[in-house]
Protein backbone atom coordinates (compact mmCIF):
# COMPACT_ATOMS: atom_id res chain seq x y z
CA MET A 1 0.24 -0.14 0.25
CA GLY A 2 3.13 2.46 -0.14
CA ASP A 3 5.28 3.76 2.71
CA ALA A 4 4.60 3.21 6.00
CA ARG A 5 2.76 6.44 7.78
CA PRO A 6 5.00 7.99 10.36
CA ASP A 7 3.82 7.75 14.21
CA PRO A 8 2.29 11.08 15.37
CA ARG A 9 3.75 10.54 18.68
CA GLN A 10 6.79 10.12 17.34
CA ILE A 11 6.93 12.97 15.21
CA LEU A 12 5.42 15.16 18.18
CA ALA A 13 8.41 13.96 20.30
CA ARG A 14 10.94 14.67 17.59
CA ASN A 15 9.41 17.96 17.42
CA LEU A 16 9.05 19.55 20.62
CA ARG A 17 12.98 18.14 21.71
CA PHE A 18 14.10 19.94 18.78
CA LEU A 19 12.20 23.14 19.59
CA MET A 20 12.65 22.92 23.03
CA GLY A 21 17.21 22.24 22.13
CA LEU A 22 16.26 25.93 19.83
CA LYS A 23 14.88 27.79 22.71
CA GLY A 24 17.07 26.48 25.35
CA TRP A 25 14.22 25.27 27.03
CA SER A 26 14.20 22.56 29.35
CA GLN A 27 10.71 20.15 29.71
CA GLY A 28 10.16 22.64 33.24
CA ARG A 29 10.39 25.48 31.23
CA LEU A 30 8.03 24.10 28.47
CA SER A 31 5.49 24.16 31.40
CA GLN A 32 5.54 27.09 32.34
CA LYS A 33 5.49 28.67 28.96
CA SER A 34 2.40 26.47 27.54
CA GLY A 35 0.64 25.50 30.83
CA VAL A 36 1.02 21.81 30.19
CA SER A 37 2.21 19.85 33.37
CA GLN A 38 5.72 18.87 33.30
CA LYS A 39 4.51 15.18 34.08
CA SER A 40 2.55 15.36 31.13
CA ILE A 41 5.30 16.75 28.85
CA SER A 42 7.48 14.23 30.19
CA ASN A 43 5.12 11.79 28.93
CA ILE A 44 4.71 13.27 25.70
CA LEU A 45 8.72 13.11 24.94
CA ASN A 46 8.93 9.70 25.90
CA GLN A 47 5.46 8.92 23.69
CA GLU A 48 4.02 6.99 26.94
CA LYS A 49 1.11 8.61 26.59
CA GLN A 50 -0.89 10.52 23.48
CA PRO A 51 -1.43 13.59 23.92
CA THR A 52 -5.20 15.33 23.60
CA LEU A 53 -5.15 18.36 20.88
CA GLY A 54 -6.04 20.72 23.18
CA THR A 55 -2.43 19.69 24.92
CA VAL A 56 -0.64 19.87 21.13
CA ASP A 57 -1.97 23.14 20.96
CA LYS A 58 -1.03 24.47 23.80
CA LEU A 59 2.43 23.39 22.99
CA ALA A 60 2.55 24.86 19.80
CA ALA A 61 0.95 27.87 21.10
CA ALA A 62 4.36 28.10 23.97
CA PHE A 63 6.21 28.55 20.80
CA ASP A 64 4.21 30.85 18.84
CA LEU A 65 3.39 28.25 16.48
CA ASN A 66 0.26 26.50 15.44
CA LEU A 67 -0.88 22.87 16.34
CA TRP A 68 0.00 21.35 12.61
CA HIS A 69 3.13 22.83 12.86
CA VAL A 70 4.96 20.77 15.56
CA MET A 71 3.31 17.69 13.75
CA LEU A 72 5.48 17.76 10.56
CA PRO A 73 7.49 15.08 9.62
CA GLY A 74 11.54 16.93 9.34
CA MET A 75 9.90 20.37 10.58
CA PRO A 76 11.99 22.92 8.96
CA ASP A 77 14.30 24.92 11.02
CA GLU A 78 12.50 28.18 9.03
CA LEU A 79 9.21 27.58 10.33
CA VAL A 80 10.48 28.75 13.89
CA ASP A 81 12.10 32.10 12.69
CA SER A 82 10.39 32.48 9.36
CA PRO A 83 6.18 32.94 8.45
CA SER A 84 6.90 31.53 5.18
CA VAL A 85 6.20 28.08 5.38
CA GLU A 86 2.62 29.49 7.03
CA ARG A 87 2.92 31.98 3.96
CA LEU A 88 2.74 29.20 1.63
CA PHE A 89 0.08 27.16 3.01
CA GLU A 90 -2.24 30.41 2.73
CA CYS A 91 -1.35 30.94 0.04
CA TYR A 92 -1.92 27.36 -1.46
CA THR A 93 -5.54 27.06 0.05
CA LYS A 94 -6.50 30.29 -1.42
CA ALA A 95 -5.12 29.23 -4.96
CA SER A 96 -7.27 27.59 -7.54
CA ASP A 97 -7.18 24.38 -8.78
CA GLN A 98 -4.44 24.66 -11.36
CA GLY A 99 -2.78 26.99 -9.01
CA ARG A 100 -2.15 24.48 -6.59
CA HIS A 101 -1.08 22.36 -9.36
CA TYR A 102 1.44 24.56 -10.50
CA ILE A 103 2.47 24.86 -7.10
CA ASN A 104 2.99 20.84 -6.29
CA ARG A 105 5.10 21.01 -9.55
CA VAL A 106 7.30 23.92 -8.46
CA ALA A 107 7.80 22.35 -5.07
CA GLU A 108 8.22 18.99 -5.98
CA ARG A 109 11.01 20.18 -9.11
CA GLU A 110 13.52 22.12 -6.00
CA ALA A 111 12.81 18.81 -3.86
CA TYR A 112 14.18 17.08 -6.56
CA TYR A 113 16.77 18.96 -7.89
CA GLY A 114 17.83 20.98 -4.48
CA ARG A 115 18.67 17.25 -3.03
CA ASN A 116 20.46 16.47 -6.42
CA GLU A 117 22.45 19.87 -6.30
CA ALA A 118 23.40 19.43 -2.76
CA SER A 119 24.74 15.40 -3.56
CA ASP A 120 26.83 16.32 -6.97
CA GLY A 121 28.01 19.94 -6.55
CA ASP A 122 26.86 20.32 -10.39
CA PRO A 123 23.19 22.26 -10.64
CA SER A 124 23.86 22.99 -14.02
CA ASP A 125 23.81 18.85 -14.68
CA PRO A 126 19.66 18.08 -14.00
CA GLY A 127 20.60 14.21 -14.15
């Protein structure tokens, strides 16, 4: 049926650790900023409990992010300090079907060629 879907608990735990590391926050500090108990944060980071959407939203808000941001597999660094991903999402949702098709094509090509440029070191050679 295709690639296995990543475990959302693992994604959330990884992203929270990443964000906490960027900010230099402990579990206690995240608890203070979010209003979520330190025990709950520990359980989330250890993937022992599945949090409610309300809890995830509080944790995301502590970092000035939306809930869906902290659930992105491979969350980009730019998301934390730049509104570009949020802006792209807003534009995508407002685009026509044809506009979404073009956005998807550009993104796919950039991902393909960007990955190849990084590994090959020769951006003028597409394949």
